[in-house]
C-alpha atoms as a PDB file:
ATOM      1  CA  MET A   1     150.245 -96.837 124.106  1.00  0.00           C
ATOM      2  CA  ASP A   2     149.587 -93.194 124.949  1.00  0.00           C
ATOM      3  CA  ILE A   3     149.911 -90.317 122.489  1.00  0.00           C
ATOM      4  CA  VAL A   4     149.112 -86.605 122.431  1.00  0.00           C
ATOM      5  CA  ALA A   5     146.082 -85.817 120.253  1.00  0.00           C
ATOM      6  CA  VAL A   6     145.755 -82.242 118.975  1.00  0.00           C
ATOM      7  CA  ASP A   7     142.929 -80.579 117.023  1.00  0.00           C
ATOM      8  CA  ILE A   8     143.705 -77.041 115.850  1.00  0.00           C
ATOM      9  CA  GLY A   9     140.981 -74.906 114.324  1.00  0.00           C
ATOM     10  CA  GLY A  10     140.910 -71.283 113.342  1.00  0.00           C
ATOM     11  CA  THR A  11     139.797 -70.203 116.828  1.00  0.00           C
ATOM     12  CA  ASN A  12     140.714 -72.923 119.323  1.00  0.00           C
ATOM     13  CA  ALA A  13     143.448 -75.520 119.786  1.00  0.00           C
ATOM     14  CA  ARG A  14     142.489 -78.647 121.743  1.00  0.00           C
ATOM     15  CA  PHE A  15     145.000 -81.027 123.331  1.00  0.00           C
ATOM     16  CA  ALA A  16     144.495 -84.347 125.126  1.00  0.00           C
ATOM     17  CA  ARG A  17     146.362 -87.495 126.016  1.00  0.00           C
ATOM     18  CA  ALA A  18     144.849 -90.498 124.212  1.00  0.00           C
ATOM     19  CA  THR A  19     145.290 -94.188 125.021  1.00  0.00           C
ATOM     20  CA  LEU A  20     145.382 -96.589 122.048  1.00  0.00           C
ATOM     21  CA  ALA A  21     144.655-100.311 122.140  1.00  0.00           C
ATOM     22  CA  PRO A  22     144.273-102.757 119.199  1.00  0.00           C
ATOM     23  CA  GLY A  23     140.711-103.034 117.909  1.00  0.00           C
ATOM     24  CA  LYS A  24     139.338-100.438 120.318  1.00  0.00           C
ATOM     25  CA  PRO A  25     138.458 -96.775 119.863  1.00  0.00           C
ATOM     26  CA  PRO A  26     141.025 -94.324 121.244  1.00  0.00           C
ATOM     27  CA  ALA A  27     140.291 -93.305 124.832  1.00  0.00           C
ATOM     28  CA  LEU A  28     140.626 -89.561 125.388  1.00  0.00           C
ATOM     29  CA  HIS A  29     141.706 -88.122 128.726  1.00  0.00           C
ATOM     30  CA  GLN A  30     141.289 -84.550 129.986  1.00  0.00           C
ATOM     31  CA  VAL A  31     140.923 -82.032 127.165  1.00  0.00           C
ATOM     32  CA  HIS A  32     142.828 -78.744 127.353  1.00  0.00           C
ATOM     33  CA  HIS A  33     141.542 -75.769 125.333  1.00  0.00           C
ATOM     34  CA  TYR A  34     143.711 -72.858 124.191  1.00  0.00           C
ATOM     35  CA  ALA A  35     142.721 -69.808 122.163  1.00  0.00           C
ATOM     36  CA  VAL A  36     144.701 -69.658 118.922  1.00  0.00           C
ATOM     37  CA  ALA A  37     144.866 -65.866 119.214  1.00  0.00           C
ATOM     38  CA  ALA A  38     146.639 -66.202 122.577  1.00  0.00           C
ATOM     39  CA  HIS A  39     149.651 -67.987 121.036  1.00  0.00           C
ATOM     40  CA  PRO A  40     151.952 -67.075 118.143  1.00  0.00           C
ATOM     41  CA  GLY A  41     152.046 -70.665 116.902  1.00  0.00           C
ATOM     42  CA  LEU A  42     151.790 -74.362 117.670  1.00  0.00           C
ATOM     43  CA  ALA A  43     155.072 -74.544 119.617  1.00  0.00           C
ATOM     44  CA  SER A  44     153.794 -71.970 122.116  1.00  0.00           C
ATOM     45  CA  ALA A  45     150.490 -73.794 122.657  1.00  0.00           C
ATOM     46  CA  TRP A  46     152.407 -77.096 122.947  1.00  0.00           C
ATOM     47  CA  ARG A  47     154.566 -75.643 125.725  1.00  0.00           C
ATOM     48  CA  GLN A  48     151.453 -74.466 127.537  1.00  0.00           C
ATOM     49  CA  PHE A  49     149.899 -77.929 127.298  1.00  0.00           C
ATOM     50  CA  ARG A  50     153.099 -79.542 128.594  1.00  0.00           C
ATOM     51  CA  ALA A  51     153.136 -77.116 131.523  1.00  0.00           C
ATOM     52  CA  ASP A  52     149.479 -77.835 132.300  1.00  0.00           C
ATOM     53  CA  ALA A  53     149.564 -81.620 131.763  1.00  0.00           C
ATOM     54  CA  GLY A  54     153.014 -82.482 133.103  1.00  0.00           C
ATOM     55  CA  ALA A  55     155.018 -85.268 131.440  1.00  0.00           C
ATOM     56  CA  ILE A  56     153.529 -86.032 128.019  1.00  0.00           C
ATOM     57  CA  PRO A  57     154.119 -88.792 125.440  1.00  0.00           C
ATOM     58  CA  THR A  58     156.629 -88.391 122.604  1.00  0.00           C
ATOM     59  CA  ARG A  59     154.120 -89.576 120.003  1.00  0.00           C
ATOM     60  CA  ALA A  60     151.443 -87.265 118.622  1.00  0.00           C
ATOM     61  CA  ALA A  61     148.623 -86.886 116.132  1.00  0.00           C
ATOM     62  CA  ILE A  62     148.022 -83.290 115.079  1.00  0.00           C
ATOM     63  CA  ALA A  63     144.978 -82.250 113.048  1.00  0.00           C
ATOM     64  CA  VAL A  64     145.096 -78.761 111.545  1.00  0.00           C
ATOM     65  CA  ALA A  65     142.560 -76.524 109.806  1.00  0.00           C
ATOM     66  CA  ALA A  66     144.684 -76.131 106.695  1.00  0.00           C
ATOM     67  CA  PRO A  67     145.332 -77.935 103.409  1.00  0.00           C
ATOM     68  CA  MET A  68     148.126 -80.493 103.598  1.00  0.00           C
ATOM     69  CA  GLY A  69     151.228 -80.367 101.397  1.00  0.00           C
ATOM     70  CA  GLY A  70     154.238 -78.170 100.745  1.00  0.00           C
ATOM     71  CA  ASP A  71     157.146 -77.078 102.900  1.00  0.00           C
ATOM     72  CA  VAL A  72     154.957 -74.688 104.889  1.00  0.00           C
ATOM     73  CA  ILE A  73     151.354 -75.341 105.925  1.00  0.00           C
ATOM     74  CA  ARG A  74     149.394 -72.110 106.258  1.00  0.00           C
ATOM     75  CA  PHE A  75     146.154 -71.966 108.175  1.00  0.00           C
ATOM     76  CA  ILE A  76     143.250 -70.493 106.212  1.00  0.00           C
ATOM     77  CA  ASN A  77     141.562 -68.742 109.157  1.00  0.00           C
ATOM     78  CA  SER A  78     144.482 -67.910 111.467  1.00  0.00           C
ATOM     79  CA  PRO A  79     148.055 -66.575 111.119  1.00  0.00           C
ATOM     80  CA  TRP A  80     149.632 -69.842 112.339  1.00  0.00           C
ATOM     81  CA  THR A  81     152.011 -71.757 110.058  1.00  0.00           C
ATOM     82  CA  ILE A  82     153.648 -75.191 110.371  1.00  0.00           C
ATOM     83  CA  GLN A  83     156.826 -76.534 108.790  1.00  0.00           C
ATOM     84  CA  PRO A  84     156.251 -80.318 108.721  1.00  0.00           C
ATOM     85  CA  ALA A  85     159.924 -81.199 108.222  1.00  0.00           C
ATOM     86  CA  ARG A  86     160.845 -79.480 111.502  1.00  0.00           C
ATOM     87  CA  LEU A  87     157.832 -80.439 113.570  1.00  0.00           C
ATOM     88  CA  THR A  88     159.101 -83.627 115.249  1.00  0.00           C
ATOM     89  CA  ALA A  89     162.340 -81.910 116.277  1.00  0.00           C
ATOM     90  CA  ASP A  90     160.624 -78.707 117.393  1.00  0.00           C
ATOM     91  CA  LEU A  91     158.139 -80.600 119.593  1.00  0.00           C
ATOM     92  CA  GLY A  92     160.518 -83.344 120.747  1.00  0.00           C
ATOM     93  CA  LEU A  93     158.573 -86.185 119.126  1.00  0.00           C
ATOM     94  CA  GLU A  94     159.520 -89.718 118.084  1.00  0.00           C
ATOM     95  CA  GLN A  95     156.445 -90.349 115.910  1.00  0.00           C
ATOM     96  CA  LEU A  96     153.932 -87.978 114.335  1.00  0.00           C
ATOM     97  CA  THR A  97     150.761 -88.153 112.275  1.00  0.00           C
ATOM     98  CA  LEU A  98     149.831 -84.810 110.692  1.00  0.00           C
ATOM     99  CA  LEU A  99     146.488 -84.427 108.949  1.00  0.00           C
ATOM    100  CA  ASN A 100     143.704 -82.036 108.025  1.00  0.00           C
ATOM    101  CA  ASP A 101     141.189 -81.337 110.796  1.00  0.00           C
ATOM    102  CA  PHE A 102     138.198 -82.604 108.865  1.00  0.00           C
ATOM    103  CA  GLY A 103     140.200 -85.593 107.730  1.00  0.00           C
ATOM    104  CA  ALA A 104     140.448 -86.268 111.467  1.00  0.00           C
ATOM    105  CA  VAL A 105     136.669 -85.989 111.902  1.00  0.00           C
ATOM    106  CA  ALA A 106     136.233 -88.503 109.071  1.00  0.00           C
ATOM    107  CA  HIS A 107     138.622 -90.894 110.849  1.00  0.00           C
ATOM    108  CA  ALA A 108     136.402 -90.611 113.942  1.00  0.00           C
ATOM    109  CA  VAL A 109     133.153 -91.585 112.216  1.00  0.00           C
ATOM    110  CA  PRO A 110     133.688 -95.393 112.203  1.00  0.00           C
ATOM    111  CA  TRP A 111     134.385 -95.304 115.952  1.00  0.00           C
ATOM    112  CA  LEU A 112     131.276 -93.313 116.921  1.00  0.00           C
ATOM    113  CA  GLU A 113     128.481 -95.118 118.685  1.00  0.00           C
ATOM    114  CA  HIS A 114     125.017 -95.014 117.107  1.00  0.00           C
ATOM    115  CA  ASP A 115     123.902 -92.692 119.940  1.00  0.00           C
ATOM    116  CA  HIS A 116     126.504 -90.131 118.826  1.00  0.00           C
ATOM    117  CA  LEU A 117     125.057 -89.891 115.301  1.00  0.00           C
ATOM    118  CA  ALA A 118     121.721 -88.125 115.713  1.00  0.00           C
ATOM    119  CA  PRO A 119     119.332 -88.246 112.734  1.00  0.00           C
ATOM    120  CA  LEU A 120     118.651 -85.033 110.825  1.00  0.00           C
ATOM    121  CA  ALA A 121     117.137 -86.323 107.584  1.00  0.00           C
ATOM    122  CA  GLY A 122     116.766 -89.394 105.416  1.00  0.00           C
ATOM    123  CA  PRO A 123     116.054 -93.002 106.385  1.00  0.00           C
ATOM    124  CA  GLY A 124     116.633 -94.273 109.915  1.00  0.00           C
ATOM    125  CA  GLY A 125     119.075 -96.878 111.104  1.00  0.00           C
ATOM    126  CA  PRO A 126     122.864 -96.945 110.945  1.00  0.00           C
ATOM    127  CA  ILE A 127     124.738 -95.277 108.109  1.00  0.00           C
ATOM    128  CA  PRO A 128     125.966 -97.650 105.382  1.00  0.00           C
ATOM    129  CA  GLN A 129     129.173 -99.535 106.097  1.00  0.00           C
ATOM    130  CA  GLU A 130     130.161 -99.507 102.415  1.00  0.00           C
ATOM    131  CA  GLY A 131     130.544 -96.542 100.078  1.00  0.00           C
ATOM    132  CA  VAL A 132     131.248 -92.847 100.565  1.00  0.00           C
ATOM    133  CA  THR A 133     130.225 -90.756 103.560  1.00  0.00           C
ATOM    134  CA  SER A 134     130.522 -86.978 103.141  1.00  0.00           C
ATOM    135  CA  VAL A 135     131.753 -85.343 106.361  1.00  0.00           C
ATOM    136  CA  ILE A 136     130.880 -81.641 106.624  1.00  0.00           C
ATOM    137  CA  GLY A 137     130.995 -79.028 109.343  1.00  0.00           C
ATOM    138  CA  PRO A 138     130.782 -75.241 109.657  1.00  0.00           C
ATOM    139  CA  GLY A 139     132.940 -73.523 112.253  1.00  0.00           C
ATOM    140  CA  THR A 140     135.488 -70.758 111.845  1.00  0.00           C
ATOM    141  CA  GLY A 141     135.649 -72.161 108.300  1.00  0.00           C
ATOM    142  CA  LEU A 142     133.790 -74.966 106.539  1.00  0.00           C
ATOM    143  CA  GLY A 143     135.334 -78.429 106.817  1.00  0.00           C
ATOM    144  CA  VAL A 144     134.758 -81.072 104.129  1.00  0.00           C
ATOM    145  CA  ALA A 145     136.156 -84.605 103.904  1.00  0.00           C
ATOM    146  CA  MET A 146     135.194 -87.966 102.436  1.00  0.00           C
ATOM    147  CA  LEU A 147     135.199 -91.348 104.165  1.00  0.00           C
ATOM    148  CA  LEU A 148     135.378 -94.265 101.719  1.00  0.00           C
ATOM    149  CA  ARG A 149     134.683 -97.746 103.097  1.00  0.00           C
ATOM    150  CA  ARG A 150     135.086-100.663 100.712  1.00  0.00           C
ATOM    151  CA  ASP A 151     135.712-104.381 101.267  1.00  0.00           C
ATOM    152  CA  GLY A 152     136.506-103.840 104.921  1.00  0.00           C
ATOM    153  CA  GLN A 153     139.071-101.112 104.197  1.00  0.00           C
ATOM    154  CA  MET A 154     138.741 -97.460 105.180  1.00  0.00           C
ATOM    155  CA  HIS A 155     140.179 -94.501 103.293  1.00  0.00           C
ATOM    156  CA  VAL A 156     139.873 -90.838 104.295  1.00  0.00           C
ATOM    157  CA  ILE A 157     140.119 -88.230 101.548  1.00  0.00           C
ATOM    158  CA  GLU A 158     140.821 -84.713 102.754  1.00  0.00           C
ATOM    159  CA  THR A 159     139.291 -82.042 100.538  1.00  0.00           C
ATOM    160  CA  GLU A 160     138.952 -78.292 100.134  1.00  0.00           C
ATOM    161  CA  GLY A 161     135.339 -78.607  99.015  1.00  0.00           C
ATOM    162  CA  ALA A 162     134.413 -75.565 101.103  1.00  0.00           C
ATOM    163  CA  HIS A 163     136.066 -73.334  98.515  1.00  0.00           C
ATOM    164  CA  ARG A 164     133.756 -74.167  95.609  1.00  0.00           C
ATOM    165  CA  ALA A 165     132.009 -71.106  94.228  1.00  0.00           C
ATOM    166  CA  PHE A 166     128.674 -70.398  95.915  1.00  0.00           C
ATOM    167  CA  ALA A 167     125.655 -71.151  93.691  1.00  0.00           C
ATOM    168  CA  PRO A 168     122.530 -69.065  94.446  1.00  0.00           C
ATOM    169  CA  LEU A 169     119.174 -70.803  94.036  1.00  0.00           C
ATOM    170  CA  ASP A 170     116.657 -67.947  94.179  1.00  0.00           C
ATOM    171  CA  MET A 171     116.443 -64.189  93.675  1.00  0.00           C
ATOM    172  CA  ALA A 172     117.263 -63.447  97.310  1.00  0.00           C
ATOM    173  CA  GLU A 173     120.488 -65.454  97.013  1.00  0.00           C
ATOM    174  CA  ASP A 174     121.256 -63.772  93.676  1.00  0.00           C
ATOM    175  CA  ALA A 175     121.140 -60.461  95.544  1.00  0.00           C
ATOM    176  CA  LEU A 176     123.213 -61.929  98.394  1.00  0.00           C
ATOM    177  CA  LEU A 177     125.892 -63.075  95.968  1.00  0.00           C
ATOM    178  CA  HIS A 178     125.895 -59.675  94.246  1.00  0.00           C
ATOM    179  CA  GLN A 179     126.437 -57.889  97.574  1.00  0.00           C
ATOM    180  CA  LEU A 180     129.183 -60.259  98.745  1.00  0.00           C
ATOM    181  CA  ARG A 181     131.047 -60.002  95.440  1.00  0.00           C
ATOM    182  CA  ARG A 182     131.714 -56.356  96.269  1.00  0.00           C
ATOM    183  CA  GLN A 183     133.644 -57.490  99.322  1.00  0.00           C
ATOM    184  CA  PHE A 184     135.248 -60.768  98.232  1.00  0.00           C
ATOM    185  CA  SER A 185     135.243 -60.769  94.407  1.00  0.00           C
ATOM    186  CA  ARG A 186     134.972 -64.581  94.424  1.00  0.00           C
ATOM    187  CA  VAL A 187     132.373 -65.870  96.889  1.00  0.00           C
ATOM    188  CA  SER A 188     132.976 -69.430  98.070  1.00  0.00           C
ATOM    189  CA  ASP A 189     130.571 -71.657 100.019  1.00  0.00           C
ATOM    190  CA  GLU A 190     132.689 -71.017 103.127  1.00  0.00           C
ATOM    191  CA  ARG A 191     131.966 -67.274 102.943  1.00  0.00           C
ATOM    192  CA  ILE A 192     128.335 -68.114 103.703  1.00  0.00           C
ATOM    193  CA  VAL A 193     128.233 -71.533 105.389  1.00  0.00           C
ATOM    194  CA  SER A 194     130.540 -70.938 108.377  1.00  0.00           C
ATOM    195  CA  GLY A 195     130.422 -69.122 111.695  1.00  0.00           C
ATOM    196  CA  PRO A 196     131.547 -65.800 110.161  1.00  0.00           C
ATOM    197  CA  GLY A 197     129.191 -66.460 107.240  1.00  0.00           C
ATOM    198  CA  LEU A 198     126.216 -65.286 109.294  1.00  0.00           C
ATOM    199  CA  ALA A 199     127.803 -61.828 109.586  1.00  0.00           C
ATOM    200  CA  ASN A 200     128.449 -61.787 105.836  1.00  0.00           C
ATOM    201  CA  ILE A 201     124.790 -62.592 105.176  1.00  0.00           C
ATOM    202  CA  HIS A 202     123.647 -60.017 107.747  1.00  0.00           C
ATOM    203  CA  ARG A 203     125.745 -57.261 106.172  1.00  0.00           C
ATOM    204  CA  ALA A 204     124.461 -58.121 102.704  1.00  0.00           C
ATOM    205  CA  LEU A 205     120.834 -58.053 103.864  1.00  0.00           C
ATOM    206  CA  ALA A 206     121.358 -54.785 105.707  1.00  0.00           C
ATOM    207  CA  GLY A 207     123.236 -53.180 102.817  1.00  0.00           C
ATOM    208  CA  ARG A 208     125.983 -51.891 105.101  1.00  0.00           C
ATOM    209  CA  THR A 209     129.466 -52.855 106.232  1.00  0.00           C
ATOM    210  CA  GLU A 210     128.910 -52.801 110.005  1.00  0.00           C
ATOM    211  CA  THR A 211     127.532 -55.765 111.920  1.00  0.00           C
ATOM    212  CA  PRO A 212     127.494 -56.910 115.566  1.00  0.00           C
ATOM    213  CA  ASP A 213     130.308 -59.206 116.653  1.00  0.00           C
ATOM    214  CA  ASP A 214     129.782 -62.878 115.851  1.00  0.00           C
ATOM    215  CA  LYS A 215     128.740 -64.001 119.341  1.00  0.00           C
ATOM    216  CA  ARG A 216     126.100 -61.272 119.763  1.00  0.00           C
ATOM    217  CA  LEU A 217     124.860 -61.770 116.212  1.00  0.00           C
ATOM    218  CA  TRP A 218     124.446 -65.530 116.625  1.00  0.00           C
ATOM    219  CA  ALA A 219     122.696 -65.054 119.967  1.00  0.00           C
ATOM    220  CA  ALA A 220     120.280 -62.498 118.483  1.00  0.00           C
ATOM    221  CA  ALA A 221     119.638 -64.712 115.461  1.00  0.00           C
ATOM    222  CA  MET A 222     118.844 -67.771 117.554  1.00  0.00           C
ATOM    223  CA  ASP A 223     116.609 -66.082 120.113  1.00  0.00           C
ATOM    224  CA  GLY A 224     114.860 -63.949 117.473  1.00  0.00           C
ATOM    225  CA  SER A 225     115.505 -60.672 119.287  1.00  0.00           C
ATOM    226  CA  ASP A 226     116.855 -59.101 116.079  1.00  0.00           C
ATOM    227  CA  PRO A 227     114.562 -59.757 113.076  1.00  0.00           C
ATOM    228  CA  LEU A 228     117.340 -59.076 110.561  1.00  0.00           C
ATOM    229  CA  ALA A 229     119.693 -61.472 112.357  1.00  0.00           C
ATOM    230  CA  ALA A 230     116.915 -64.094 112.423  1.00  0.00           C
ATOM    231  CA  ALA A 231     116.373 -63.613 108.679  1.00  0.00           C
ATOM    232  CA  ALA A 232     120.128 -64.025 108.119  1.00  0.00           C
ATOM    233  CA  LEU A 233     120.033 -67.329 110.028  1.00  0.00           C
ATOM    234  CA  ASP A 234     117.136 -68.527 107.855  1.00  0.00           C
ATOM    235  CA  HIS A 235     119.269 -67.814 104.778  1.00  0.00           C
ATOM    236  CA  PHE A 236     122.225 -69.581 106.426  1.00  0.00           C
ATOM    237  CA  VAL A 237     120.229 -72.761 107.080  1.00  0.00           C
ATOM    238  CA  ARG A 238     118.845 -72.895 103.535  1.00  0.00           C
ATOM    239  CA  CYS A 239     122.305 -72.352 102.041  1.00  0.00           C
ATOM    240  CA  PHE A 240     123.774 -74.989 104.350  1.00  0.00           C
ATOM    241  CA  GLY A 241     121.187 -77.520 103.139  1.00  0.00           C
ATOM    242  CA  ALA A 242     121.950 -76.741  99.511  1.00  0.00           C
ATOM    243  CA  VAL A 243     125.725 -76.934 100.010  1.00  0.00           C
ATOM    244  CA  ALA A 244     125.528 -80.207 101.951  1.00  0.00           C
ATOM    245  CA  GLY A 245     123.369 -81.741  99.233  1.00  0.00           C
ATOM    246  CA  ASP A 246     125.653 -80.514  96.443  1.00  0.00           C
ATOM    247  CA  LEU A 247     128.701 -81.978  98.183  1.00  0.00           C
ATOM    248  CA  ALA A 248     126.978 -85.322  98.766  1.00  0.00           C
ATOM    249  CA  LEU A 249     125.987 -85.484  95.111  1.00  0.00           C
ATOM    250  CA  ALA A 250     129.464 -84.501  93.915  1.00  0.00           C
ATOM    251  CA  HIS A 251     131.061 -87.124  96.194  1.00  0.00           C
ATOM    252  CA  GLY A 252     128.654 -89.870  95.142  1.00  0.00           C
ATOM    253  CA  ALA A 253     127.884 -90.267  98.844  1.00  0.00           C
ATOM    254  CA  ASN A 254     125.348 -92.635 100.351  1.00  0.00           C
ATOM    255  CA  ALA A 255     125.525 -90.908 103.751  1.00  0.00           C
ATOM    256  CA  VAL A 256     126.290 -87.467 105.156  1.00  0.00           C
ATOM    257  CA  VAL A 257     127.726 -86.764 108.601  1.00  0.00           C
ATOM    258  CA  ILE A 258     127.644 -83.196 109.930  1.00  0.00           C
ATOM    259  CA  ALA A 259     129.940 -82.213 112.781  1.00  0.00           C
ATOM    260  CA  GLY A 260     130.875 -79.247 114.923  1.00  0.00           C
ATOM    261  CA  GLY A 261     129.650 -77.168 117.810  1.00  0.00           C
ATOM    262  CA  LEU A 262     127.876 -74.668 115.574  1.00  0.00           C
ATOM    263  CA  ALA A 263     125.833 -77.413 113.873  1.00  0.00           C
ATOM    264  CA  ASN A 264     124.856 -78.802 117.276  1.00  0.00           C
ATOM    265  CA  ARG A 265     123.685 -75.354 118.383  1.00  0.00           C
ATOM    266  CA  ILE A 266     121.242 -75.182 115.459  1.00  0.00           C
ATOM    267  CA  ALA A 267     120.337 -78.898 115.392  1.00  0.00           C
ATOM    268  CA  ASP A 268     116.580 -78.228 115.598  1.00  0.00           C
ATOM    269  CA  ARG A 269     116.773 -75.967 112.535  1.00  0.00           C
ATOM    270  CA  LEU A 270     118.775 -78.584 110.614  1.00  0.00           C
ATOM    271  CA  ARG A 271     115.925 -81.030 111.193  1.00  0.00           C
ATOM    272  CA  GLY A 272     113.463 -78.513 109.774  1.00  0.00           C
ATOM    273  CA  PRO A 273     112.179 -78.011 106.244  1.00  0.00           C
ATOM    274  CA  ALA A 274     114.527 -75.138 105.331  1.00  0.00           C
ATOM    275  CA  PHE A 275     117.587 -77.394 105.544  1.00  0.00           C
ATOM    276  CA  VAL A 276     116.016 -80.687 104.472  1.00  0.00           C
ATOM    277  CA  GLU A 277     114.147 -79.359 101.439  1.00  0.00           C
ATOM    278  CA  ARG A 278     117.264 -77.645 100.117  1.00  0.00           C
ATOM    279  CA  PHE A 279     119.321 -80.786 100.749  1.00  0.00           C
ATOM    280  CA  ILE A 280     117.054 -82.944  98.568  1.00  0.00           C
ATOM    281  CA  ALA A 281     116.178 -80.300  95.927  1.00  0.00           C
ATOM    282  CA  LYS A 282     118.496 -81.661  93.228  1.00  0.00           C
ATOM    283  CA  GLY A 283     116.110 -81.949  90.287  1.00  0.00           C
ATOM    284  CA  ARG A 284     116.391 -85.361  88.620  1.00  0.00           C
ATOM    285  CA  TYR A 285     118.355 -86.662  91.631  1.00  0.00           C
ATOM    286  CA  GLU A 286     115.721 -85.822  94.236  1.00  0.00           C
ATOM    287  CA  ALA A 287     114.768 -89.461  94.836  1.00  0.00           C
ATOM    288  CA  ARG A 288     118.410 -90.355  95.420  1.00  0.00           C
ATOM    289  CA  MET A 289     118.824 -87.479  97.881  1.00  0.00           C
ATOM    290  CA  ARG A 290     115.765 -88.581  99.869  1.00  0.00           C
ATOM    291  CA  GLY A 291     117.467 -91.938 100.409  1.00  0.00           C
ATOM    292  CA  ILE A 292     120.649 -90.467 101.942  1.00  0.00           C
ATOM    293  CA  PRO A 293     120.804 -90.574 105.754  1.00  0.00           C
ATOM    294  CA  VAL A 294     122.045 -87.298 107.242  1.00  0.00           C
ATOM    295  CA  ARG A 295     123.447 -87.561 110.760  1.00  0.00           C
ATOM    296  CA  LEU A 296     124.760 -85.048 113.304  1.00  0.00           C
ATOM    297  CA  VAL A 297     127.824 -85.903 115.397  1.00  0.00           C
ATOM    298  CA  THR A 298     126.970 -85.256 119.043  1.00  0.00           C
ATOM    299  CA  TYR A 299     130.270 -86.612 120.389  1.00  0.00           C
ATOM    300  CA  GLU A 300     132.031 -83.644 121.979  1.00  0.00           C
ATOM    301  CA  GLN A 301     135.552 -84.027 120.539  1.00  0.00           C
ATOM    302  CA  PRO A 302     135.436 -85.858 117.186  1.00  0.00           C
ATOM    303  CA  GLY A 303     138.576 -84.069 115.947  1.00  0.00           C
ATOM    304  CA  LEU A 304     140.686 -85.369 118.838  1.00  0.00           C
ATOM    305  CA  LEU A 305     139.177 -88.852 118.589  1.00  0.00           C
ATOM    306  CA  GLY A 306     139.825 -88.930 114.844  1.00  0.00           C
ATOM    307  CA  ALA A 307     143.371 -87.609 115.123  1.00  0.00           C
ATOM    308  CA  ALA A 308     144.181 -90.418 117.544  1.00  0.00           C
ATOM    309  CA  ALA A 309     142.428 -92.948 115.283  1.00  0.00           C
ATOM    310  CA  ALA A 310     144.488 -91.729 112.313  1.00  0.00           C
ATOM    311  CA  PHE A 311     147.698 -92.265 114.316  1.00  0.00           C
ATOM    312  CA  GLN A 312     146.482 -95.746 115.265  1.00  0.00           C
ATOM    313  CA  ALA A 313     145.782 -96.570 111.613  1.00  0.00           C
ATOM    314  CA  GLU A 314     149.222 -95.351 110.524  1.00  0.00           C
ATOM    315  CA  HIS A 315     151.456 -96.565 113.349  1.00  0.00           C
ATOM    316  CA  GLY A 316     149.587 -99.219 115.284  1.00  0.00           C
ATOM    317  CA  PRO A 317     149.888 -99.823 118.503  1.00  0.00           C
END
């Protein structure tokens, strides 16, 4: 059986045909990328994909960077909206699975080969096949989901854990929170641990409202050509470690999987002490945190793979 797999983030929408077979991971075909800003909504991007790909299946799995539920689904980091009740008719579909984008990444985890889960911290070997895995990833926003495996059954729990209030851990982060409160009033983890979060940190450190665009800022931070940008990235990595550890502890997780292109770009830093020490620094729970394997997804399209896997779990083939 072939379906259309779709992964829509705040910046990019990815489309691919996927082939499903019982007991096997979904097989993705050519991936088509479309800028969200170039289309007024999903229907427009869908038409572009159909024009580019030719005849397409009438079954689809669509993962979206938005909380599920309600008559209208509103994206957090883009102006797109979706009306689930109209979606099959609007897109000409016979069957549809609609889910959160990081729920999709969690669905992908059981199908990833060991080579696609690179170690960042914690003990070696495969991640546990029983219990909770926290799935986390910074991009245009911050994605958070839970994968629960118990007695051979798998359950994915989509969450909005990114929108917890940010908790500073030292005087520098106290000052960072104070500065960001002037702009946002309530400062969530996502305001700091996300692609745009680096600019928020940079502005707070600089004490001004202007900052380079995200691409130039990230480039300057990673190559060290701008000392303030590099300092902002150091803060980002420490905060990311703390947030990932807090989420794992709150979920009761025995493994953490980190996904996304941004995380892969800074993989060497995530293996370093700034991230790892903050991840385990949980007071009386430090020994527990040291025992949690933290892995980085290196598979290029986990959202598409997971969307197709979610369809397979719901509908067969």
